[in-house]
Amino acid sequence: MSVTTQFELEYTYLEDNVLPCAAVIVAAGNGTRMGCNKQMVPLLGIPVLVRTMLAFEKCDRIRDIVVVSKQDEIADVQKLAETYQITKLVAVVAGGEERQDSVENGLAALSSDTVYVAIHDGARPLITPQLIEAVVQDACERGAATLAVPVKNTIKQVAEGKIEKTFQRDLLYAIQTPQVFDLSIYRKALAMAKQRGLAVTDDCAICEDAGYSVYITPSSYLNFKITTPEDLIFAEALLQREEHDV
């Protein structure tokens, strides 16, 4: 006869003893370099944010989705979710002043039994369910993981127009999202960052600063962030090629 452990009593498992993972999709930016709200720009007729949500909708390892948007776009996001049948969406919340504030607002909307959180940029619409699955699996095994790709170009540190340092390229990675964390770890790290007044541009840095290790999950160069109009052209070309291949 099997014995139910305290750990099993504490958490509600998905199928095959997989602990619940939720996605927090951050889509509250101003889109300054884009010149418009990039989250709502259509990619072959489907808004960028919808393509992002659909990838998480189709990933079996994701149970819930929370979207963080601008306050005046909450109703629009909810309507899009209904139109495109995003059944995993449990909340749309307003963003904060900084990215980490927006993420914290998203965390507050998660179910109390959530164990892992996948934090993703809403403007990375070419993410795939397979990549999400891979990074979630690595985080479940190691506590924290992020998608990343090796840097292709030589990276130099520059000050006042003069090169000061050249970095060893084979040690450098371009970090992507989703970044997935044991939720208890991330919350502790976030609290420490707030106490110190630390402001960062990605969630891995919050955990790194708190002394937690974050591991790399190999990704695809196609999982790029829509930042400029040129990125939009490239993304549409990739989607057209994909549709043609199908």
C-alpha atoms as a PDB file:
ATOM      1  CA  MET A   1       0.000   0.000   0.000  1.00  0.00           C
ATOM      2  CA  SER A   2       1.421   3.395  -0.993  1.00  0.00           C
ATOM      3  CA  VAL A   3       1.913   6.068   1.620  1.00  0.00           C
ATOM      4  CA  THR A   4       0.986   9.693   0.861  1.00  0.00           C
ATOM      5  CA  THR A   5       3.858  11.961   1.872  1.00  0.00           C
ATOM      6  CA  GLN A   6       3.554  15.482   3.281  1.00  0.00           C
ATOM      7  CA  PHE A   7       5.032  16.730  -0.008  1.00  0.00           C
ATOM      8  CA  GLU A   8       2.231  15.063  -1.967  1.00  0.00           C
ATOM      9  CA  LEU A   9      -0.381  16.458   0.403  1.00  0.00           C
ATOM     10  CA  GLU A  10       0.983  19.961  -0.031  1.00  0.00           C
ATOM     11  CA  TYR A  11       0.841  20.089  -3.820  1.00  0.00           C
ATOM     12  CA  THR A  12      -1.748  19.235  -6.444  1.00  0.00           C
ATOM     13  CA  TYR A  13      -0.050  17.276  -9.218  1.00  0.00           C
ATOM     14  CA  LEU A  14      -0.779  17.355 -12.902  1.00  0.00           C
ATOM     15  CA  GLU A  15      -0.806  14.082 -14.820  1.00  0.00           C
ATOM     16  CA  ASP A  16       2.245  11.810 -14.377  1.00  0.00           C
ATOM     17  CA  ASN A  17       3.253  13.466 -11.076  1.00  0.00           C
ATOM     18  CA  VAL A  18       4.273  16.746 -12.749  1.00  0.00           C
ATOM     19  CA  LEU A  19       4.133  19.707 -10.384  1.00  0.00           C
ATOM     20  CA  PRO A  20       2.049  22.708 -11.499  1.00  0.00           C
ATOM     21  CA  CYS A  21       3.820  25.339 -13.572  1.00  0.00           C
ATOM     22  CA  ALA A  22       2.232  28.662 -14.491  1.00  0.00           C
ATOM     23  CA  ALA A  23       3.316  31.174 -17.105  1.00  0.00           C
ATOM     24  CA  VAL A  24       3.552  34.899 -16.418  1.00  0.00           C
ATOM     25  CA  ILE A  25       3.655  36.677 -19.773  1.00  0.00           C
ATOM     26  CA  VAL A  26       4.928  40.227 -19.420  1.00  0.00           C
ATOM     27  CA  ALA A  27       3.338  42.544 -21.999  1.00  0.00           C
ATOM     28  CA  ALA A  28       3.228  45.920 -20.284  1.00  0.00           C
ATOM     29  CA  GLY A  29       6.064  47.700 -22.077  1.00  0.00           C
ATOM     30  CA  ASN A  30       5.757  50.986 -23.919  1.00  0.00           C
ATOM     31  CA  GLY A  31       7.222  49.801 -27.233  1.00  0.00           C
ATOM     32  CA  THR A  32       9.330  52.953 -27.555  1.00  0.00           C
ATOM     33  CA  ARG A  33      11.694  51.586 -30.223  1.00  0.00           C
ATOM     34  CA  MET A  34       8.800  50.072 -32.133  1.00  0.00           C
ATOM     35  CA  GLY A  35       6.816  53.293 -32.220  1.00  0.00           C
ATOM     36  CA  CYS A  36       3.605  51.459 -31.294  1.00  0.00           C
ATOM     37  CA  ASN A  37       2.300  48.720 -29.015  1.00  0.00           C
ATOM     38  CA  LYS A  38       4.227  45.749 -30.393  1.00  0.00           C
ATOM     39  CA  GLN A  39       2.117  43.296 -28.383  1.00  0.00           C
ATOM     40  CA  MET A  40      -0.939  44.062 -30.494  1.00  0.00           C
ATOM     41  CA  VAL A  41       0.764  44.319 -33.880  1.00  0.00           C
ATOM     42  CA  PRO A  42      -0.513  41.562 -36.205  1.00  0.00           C
ATOM     43  CA  LEU A  43       1.859  38.868 -37.423  1.00  0.00           C
ATOM     44  CA  LEU A  44       0.225  37.402 -40.530  1.00  0.00           C
ATOM     45  CA  GLY A  45      -3.118  38.523 -39.118  1.00  0.00           C
ATOM     46  CA  ILE A  46      -2.629  37.262 -35.551  1.00  0.00           C
ATOM     47  CA  PRO A  47      -1.453  39.698 -32.828  1.00  0.00           C
ATOM     48  CA  VAL A  48       2.036  39.153 -31.437  1.00  0.00           C
ATOM     49  CA  LEU A  49       0.732  38.565 -27.908  1.00  0.00           C
ATOM     50  CA  VAL A  50      -1.804  36.003 -29.118  1.00  0.00           C
ATOM     51  CA  ARG A  51       0.897  33.974 -30.871  1.00  0.00           C
ATOM     52  CA  THR A  52       2.855  34.034 -27.618  1.00  0.00           C
ATOM     53  CA  MET A  53      -0.135  32.916 -25.548  1.00  0.00           C
ATOM     54  CA  LEU A  54      -0.960  30.130 -28.012  1.00  0.00           C
ATOM     55  CA  ALA A  55       2.479  28.565 -27.555  1.00  0.00           C
ATOM     56  CA  PHE A  56       1.914  28.307 -23.797  1.00  0.00           C
ATOM     57  CA  GLU A  57      -1.665  27.141 -24.345  1.00  0.00           C
ATOM     58  CA  LYS A  58      -0.331  24.214 -26.388  1.00  0.00           C
ATOM     59  CA  CYS A  59       2.395  23.217 -23.902  1.00  0.00           C
ATOM     60  CA  ASP A  60       1.250  20.406 -21.615  1.00  0.00           C
ATOM     61  CA  ARG A  61       3.646  21.475 -18.838  1.00  0.00           C
ATOM     62  CA  ILE A  62       1.875  24.819 -18.423  1.00  0.00           C
ATOM     63  CA  ARG A  63      -1.302  24.720 -16.360  1.00  0.00           C
ATOM     64  CA  ASP A  64      -2.171  28.422 -16.010  1.00  0.00           C
ATOM     65  CA  ILE A  65      -1.381  31.638 -17.860  1.00  0.00           C
ATOM     66  CA  VAL A  66      -1.294  35.127 -16.367  1.00  0.00           C
ATOM     67  CA  VAL A  67      -0.755  38.120 -18.656  1.00  0.00           C
ATOM     68  CA  VAL A  68       0.618  41.405 -17.363  1.00  0.00           C
ATOM     69  CA  SER A  69      -0.478  44.277 -19.593  1.00  0.00           C
ATOM     70  CA  LYS A  70      -1.096  47.993 -19.490  1.00  0.00           C
ATOM     71  CA  GLN A  71      -4.100  48.916 -17.378  1.00  0.00           C
ATOM     72  CA  ASP A  72      -6.048  50.245 -20.377  1.00  0.00           C
ATOM     73  CA  GLU A  73      -5.433  47.065 -22.393  1.00  0.00           C
ATOM     74  CA  ILE A  74      -6.669  44.482 -19.887  1.00  0.00           C
ATOM     75  CA  ALA A  75     -10.110  44.200 -21.509  1.00  0.00           C
ATOM     76  CA  ASP A  76      -8.501  43.911 -24.960  1.00  0.00           C
ATOM     77  CA  VAL A  77      -6.271  41.030 -23.830  1.00  0.00           C
ATOM     78  CA  GLN A  78      -9.223  39.230 -22.251  1.00  0.00           C
ATOM     79  CA  LYS A  79     -11.198  39.612 -25.476  1.00  0.00           C
ATOM     80  CA  LEU A  80      -8.321  38.267 -27.561  1.00  0.00           C
ATOM     81  CA  ALA A  81      -8.041  35.255 -25.257  1.00  0.00           C
ATOM     82  CA  GLU A  82     -11.718  34.508 -25.761  1.00  0.00           C
ATOM     83  CA  THR A  83     -11.475  34.943 -29.535  1.00  0.00           C
ATOM     84  CA  TYR A  84      -8.475  32.639 -29.877  1.00  0.00           C
ATOM     85  CA  GLN A  85      -9.650  30.157 -27.203  1.00  0.00           C
ATOM     86  CA  ILE A  86      -6.802  30.623 -24.724  1.00  0.00           C
ATOM     87  CA  THR A  87      -8.415  28.418 -22.089  1.00  0.00           C
ATOM     88  CA  LYS A  88      -5.476  28.469 -19.657  1.00  0.00           C
ATOM     89  CA  LEU A  89      -5.670  32.217 -19.065  1.00  0.00           C
ATOM     90  CA  VAL A  90      -6.621  32.771 -15.420  1.00  0.00           C
ATOM     91  CA  ALA A  91      -5.919  36.484 -15.036  1.00  0.00           C
ATOM     92  CA  VAL A  92      -4.850  39.674 -16.795  1.00  0.00           C
ATOM     93  CA  VAL A  93      -3.284  42.193 -14.431  1.00  0.00           C
ATOM     94  CA  ALA A  94      -1.829  45.676 -14.752  1.00  0.00           C
ATOM     95  CA  GLY A  95       1.914  46.160 -15.014  1.00  0.00           C
ATOM     96  CA  GLY A  96       4.087  48.100 -12.590  1.00  0.00           C
ATOM     97  CA  GLU A  97       6.632  50.858 -12.943  1.00  0.00           C
ATOM     98  CA  GLU A  98       9.571  48.500 -13.666  1.00  0.00           C
ATOM     99  CA  ARG A  99       9.698  45.043 -15.229  1.00  0.00           C
ATOM    100  CA  GLN A 100      10.236  43.312 -11.887  1.00  0.00           C
ATOM    101  CA  ASP A 101       7.212  45.164 -10.498  1.00  0.00           C
ATOM    102  CA  SER A 102       5.144  43.850 -13.401  1.00  0.00           C
ATOM    103  CA  VAL A 103       6.365  40.310 -12.740  1.00  0.00           C
ATOM    104  CA  GLU A 104       5.505  40.660  -9.053  1.00  0.00           C
ATOM    105  CA  ASN A 105       1.974  41.740 -10.006  1.00  0.00           C
ATOM    106  CA  GLY A 106       1.705  38.645 -12.172  1.00  0.00           C
ATOM    107  CA  LEU A 107       2.908  36.380  -9.372  1.00  0.00           C
ATOM    108  CA  ALA A 108       0.199  37.761  -7.086  1.00  0.00           C
ATOM    109  CA  ALA A 109      -2.442  36.366  -9.470  1.00  0.00           C
ATOM    110  CA  LEU A 110      -1.087  32.806  -9.420  1.00  0.00           C
ATOM    111  CA  SER A 111      -2.921  29.964  -7.739  1.00  0.00           C
ATOM    112  CA  SER A 112      -1.635  29.149  -4.250  1.00  0.00           C
ATOM    113  CA  ASP A 113      -0.566  25.650  -5.310  1.00  0.00           C
ATOM    114  CA  THR A 114       1.693  26.830  -8.147  1.00  0.00           C
ATOM    115  CA  VAL A 115       5.183  25.378  -7.726  1.00  0.00           C
ATOM    116  CA  TYR A 116       7.059  26.632 -10.787  1.00  0.00           C
ATOM    117  CA  VAL A 117       6.711  29.842 -12.773  1.00  0.00           C
ATOM    118  CA  ALA A 118       7.772  30.469 -16.370  1.00  0.00           C
ATOM    119  CA  ILE A 119       8.327  34.188 -16.973  1.00  0.00           C
ATOM    120  CA  HIS A 120       8.187  35.181 -20.628  1.00  0.00           C
ATOM    121  CA  ASP A 121       8.330  38.298 -22.782  1.00  0.00           C
ATOM    122  CA  GLY A 122       5.027  38.830 -24.546  1.00  0.00           C
ATOM    123  CA  ALA A 123       6.994  40.088 -27.548  1.00  0.00           C
ATOM    124  CA  ARG A 124       8.685  36.714 -28.223  1.00  0.00           C
ATOM    125  CA  PRO A 125       5.919  35.193 -30.374  1.00  0.00           C
ATOM    126  CA  LEU A 126       8.057  32.535 -32.079  1.00  0.00           C
ATOM    127  CA  ILE A 127       8.569  30.547 -28.876  1.00  0.00           C
ATOM    128  CA  THR A 128       7.465  26.937 -29.319  1.00  0.00           C
ATOM    129  CA  PRO A 129       5.742  24.500 -26.953  1.00  0.00           C
ATOM    130  CA  GLN A 130       8.769  22.213 -27.317  1.00  0.00           C
ATOM    131  CA  LEU A 131      11.206  24.855 -26.065  1.00  0.00           C
ATOM    132  CA  ILE A 132       8.880  25.705 -23.180  1.00  0.00           C
ATOM    133  CA  GLU A 133       8.716  22.013 -22.285  1.00  0.00           C
ATOM    134  CA  ALA A 134      12.511  21.724 -22.297  1.00  0.00           C
ATOM    135  CA  VAL A 135      13.231  24.703 -20.062  1.00  0.00           C
ATOM    136  CA  VAL A 136      10.453  23.792 -17.618  1.00  0.00           C
ATOM    137  CA  GLN A 137      11.905  20.290 -17.333  1.00  0.00           C
ATOM    138  CA  ASP A 138      15.378  21.669 -16.605  1.00  0.00           C
ATOM    139  CA  ALA A 139      14.000  24.035 -13.966  1.00  0.00           C
ATOM    140  CA  CYS A 140      12.118  21.199 -12.285  1.00  0.00           C
ATOM    141  CA  GLU A 141      15.357  19.230 -12.046  1.00  0.00           C
ATOM    142  CA  ARG A 142      17.678  22.090 -11.035  1.00  0.00           C
ATOM    143  CA  GLY A 143      15.544  24.838  -9.485  1.00  0.00           C
ATOM    144  CA  ALA A 144      16.022  27.522 -12.136  1.00  0.00           C
ATOM    145  CA  ALA A 145      16.669  27.499 -15.887  1.00  0.00           C
ATOM    146  CA  THR A 146      16.524  29.827 -18.859  1.00  0.00           C
ATOM    147  CA  LEU A 147      16.551  29.465 -22.612  1.00  0.00           C
ATOM    148  CA  ALA A 148      19.728  30.801 -24.193  1.00  0.00           C
ATOM    149  CA  VAL A 149      21.812  30.674 -27.382  1.00  0.00           C
ATOM    150  CA  PRO A 150      25.572  31.156 -27.920  1.00  0.00           C
ATOM    151  CA  VAL A 151      26.557  34.667 -28.980  1.00  0.00           C
ATOM    152  CA  LYS A 152      27.510  34.776 -32.677  1.00  0.00           C
ATOM    153  CA  ASN A 153      29.307  38.117 -32.798  1.00  0.00           C
ATOM    154  CA  THR A 154      32.408  39.340 -31.017  1.00  0.00           C
ATOM    155  CA  ILE A 155      31.326  41.444 -28.037  1.00  0.00           C
ATOM    156  CA  LYS A 156      33.365  44.434 -26.885  1.00  0.00           C
ATOM    157  CA  GLN A 157      33.028  46.815 -23.974  1.00  0.00           C
ATOM    158  CA  VAL A 158      33.117  50.426 -25.163  1.00  0.00           C
ATOM    159  CA  ALA A 159      33.377  53.748 -23.312  1.00  0.00           C
ATOM    160  CA  GLU A 160      33.265  57.144 -24.997  1.00  0.00           C
ATOM    161  CA  GLY A 161      33.598  55.516 -28.397  1.00  0.00           C
ATOM    162  CA  LYS A 162      36.754  53.582 -27.495  1.00  0.00           C
ATOM    163  CA  ILE A 163      37.048  49.805 -27.107  1.00  0.00           C
ATOM    164  CA  GLU A 164      38.107  48.921 -23.582  1.00  0.00           C
ATOM    165  CA  LYS A 165      37.736  45.156 -23.497  1.00  0.00           C
ATOM    166  CA  THR A 166      37.030  42.165 -25.749  1.00  0.00           C
ATOM    167  CA  PHE A 167      35.093  39.282 -24.222  1.00  0.00           C
ATOM    168  CA  GLN A 168      35.798  35.611 -24.867  1.00  0.00           C
ATOM    169  CA  ARG A 169      32.961  34.760 -27.230  1.00  0.00           C
ATOM    170  CA  ASP A 170      32.746  31.039 -26.506  1.00  0.00           C
ATOM    171  CA  LEU A 171      31.782  31.840 -22.914  1.00  0.00           C
ATOM    172  CA  LEU A 172      28.970  34.240 -23.841  1.00  0.00           C
ATOM    173  CA  TYR A 173      25.290  33.440 -24.262  1.00  0.00           C
ATOM    174  CA  ALA A 174      22.329  35.565 -25.297  1.00  0.00           C
ATOM    175  CA  ILE A 175      19.647  34.985 -22.683  1.00  0.00           C
ATOM    176  CA  GLN A 176      16.049  34.543 -23.797  1.00  0.00           C
ATOM    177  CA  THR A 177      12.747  33.737 -22.149  1.00  0.00           C
ATOM    178  CA  PRO A 178      10.940  31.874 -20.744  1.00  0.00           C
ATOM    179  CA  GLN A 179      13.012  31.878 -17.597  1.00  0.00           C
ATOM    180  CA  VAL A 180      11.633  29.252 -15.243  1.00  0.00           C
ATOM    181  CA  PHE A 181      12.017  29.126 -11.471  1.00  0.00           C
ATOM    182  CA  ASP A 182      10.928  27.213  -8.436  1.00  0.00           C
ATOM    183  CA  LEU A 183       8.426  29.808  -7.267  1.00  0.00           C
ATOM    184  CA  SER A 184       9.603  29.765  -3.654  1.00  0.00           C
ATOM    185  CA  ILE A 185      13.167  30.485  -4.812  1.00  0.00           C
ATOM    186  CA  TYR A 186      12.097  33.321  -7.065  1.00  0.00           C
ATOM    187  CA  ARG A 187       9.955  34.969  -4.405  1.00  0.00           C
ATOM    188  CA  LYS A 188      12.832  34.901  -1.906  1.00  0.00           C
ATOM    189  CA  ALA A 189      15.194  36.365  -4.491  1.00  0.00           C
ATOM    190  CA  LEU A 190      12.689  39.056  -5.465  1.00  0.00           C
ATOM    191  CA  ALA A 191      12.235  40.078  -1.838  1.00  0.00           C
ATOM    192  CA  MET A 192      16.006  40.400  -1.448  1.00  0.00           C
ATOM    193  CA  ALA A 193      16.216  42.503  -4.621  1.00  0.00           C
ATOM    194  CA  LYS A 194      13.519  44.853  -3.321  1.00  0.00           C
ATOM    195  CA  GLN A 195      15.282  45.240   0.023  1.00  0.00           C
ATOM    196  CA  ARG A 196      18.490  46.199  -1.770  1.00  0.00           C
ATOM    197  CA  GLY A 197      16.799  48.440  -4.298  1.00  0.00           C
ATOM    198  CA  LEU A 198      18.187  46.303  -7.121  1.00  0.00           C
ATOM    199  CA  ALA A 199      16.839  47.066 -10.592  1.00  0.00           C
ATOM    200  CA  VAL A 200      17.562  44.509 -13.322  1.00  0.00           C
ATOM    201  CA  THR A 201      16.440  43.788 -16.867  1.00  0.00           C
ATOM    202  CA  ASP A 202      15.856  40.057 -16.540  1.00  0.00           C
ATOM    203  CA  ASP A 203      14.656  37.651 -13.896  1.00  0.00           C
ATOM    204  CA  CYS A 204      17.746  35.453 -13.881  1.00  0.00           C
ATOM    205  CA  ALA A 205      19.750  38.395 -12.520  1.00  0.00           C
ATOM    206  CA  ILE A 206      17.423  38.605  -9.532  1.00  0.00           C
ATOM    207  CA  CYS A 207      18.168  34.984  -8.628  1.00  0.00           C
ATOM    208  CA  GLU A 208      21.871  35.298  -9.433  1.00  0.00           C
ATOM    209  CA  ASP A 209      22.208  38.286  -7.126  1.00  0.00           C
ATOM    210  CA  ALA A 210      20.532  36.317  -4.345  1.00  0.00           C
ATOM    211  CA  GLY A 211      23.093  33.517  -4.731  1.00  0.00           C
ATOM    212  CA  TYR A 212      20.944  30.997  -6.601  1.00  0.00           C
ATOM    213  CA  SER A 213      22.274  29.134  -9.644  1.00  0.00           C
ATOM    214  CA  VAL A 214      20.443  29.433 -12.952  1.00  0.00           C
ATOM    215  CA  TYR A 215      21.128  26.847 -15.652  1.00  0.00           C
ATOM    216  CA  ILE A 216      21.101  27.135 -19.433  1.00  0.00           C
ATOM    217  CA  THR A 217      18.648  25.285 -21.669  1.00  0.00           C
ATOM    218  CA  PRO A 218      19.722  25.306 -25.350  1.00  0.00           C
ATOM    219  CA  SER A 219      17.307  27.358 -27.428  1.00  0.00           C
ATOM    220  CA  SER A 220      16.761  28.562 -30.985  1.00  0.00           C
ATOM    221  CA  TYR A 221      17.912  31.833 -32.536  1.00  0.00           C
ATOM    222  CA  LEU A 222      14.357  32.141 -33.858  1.00  0.00           C
ATOM    223  CA  ASN A 223      13.072  32.812 -30.338  1.00  0.00           C
ATOM    224  CA  PHE A 224      13.926  36.493 -30.643  1.00  0.00           C
ATOM    225  CA  LYS A 225      12.149  39.506 -29.186  1.00  0.00           C
ATOM    226  CA  ILE A 226      10.147  41.845 -31.407  1.00  0.00           C
ATOM    227  CA  THR A 227      11.782  45.195 -30.676  1.00  0.00           C
ATOM    228  CA  THR A 228      12.039  47.117 -33.954  1.00  0.00           C
ATOM    229  CA  PRO A 229      10.035  47.209 -37.225  1.00  0.00           C
ATOM    230  CA  GLU A 230      12.794  45.115 -38.836  1.00  0.00           C
ATOM    231  CA  ASP A 231      12.153  42.331 -36.315  1.00  0.00           C
ATOM    232  CA  LEU A 232       8.525  42.273 -37.395  1.00  0.00           C
ATOM    233  CA  ILE A 233       9.487  41.821 -41.058  1.00  0.00           C
ATOM    234  CA  PHE A 234      11.831  38.968 -40.167  1.00  0.00           C
ATOM    235  CA  ALA A 235       9.210  37.250 -37.990  1.00  0.00           C
ATOM    236  CA  GLU A 236       6.596  37.411 -40.751  1.00  0.00           C
ATOM    237  CA  ALA A 237       9.067  35.948 -43.246  1.00  0.00           C
ATOM    238  CA  LEU A 238       9.786  33.040 -40.899  1.00  0.00           C
ATOM    239  CA  LEU A 239       6.091  32.367 -40.337  1.00  0.00           C
ATOM    240  CA  GLN A 240       5.411  32.470 -44.080  1.00  0.00           C
ATOM    241  CA  ARG A 241       8.192  29.954 -44.679  1.00  0.00           C
ATOM    242  CA  GLU A 242       6.787  27.722 -41.938  1.00  0.00           C
ATOM    243  CA  GLU A 243       3.286  27.853 -43.430  1.00  0.00           C
ATOM    244  CA  HIS A 244       4.688  27.105 -46.895  1.00  0.00           C
ATOM    245  CA  ASP A 245       6.649  24.094 -45.562  1.00  0.00           C
ATOM    246  CA  VAL A 246       3.484  22.723 -43.958  1.00  0.00           C
END
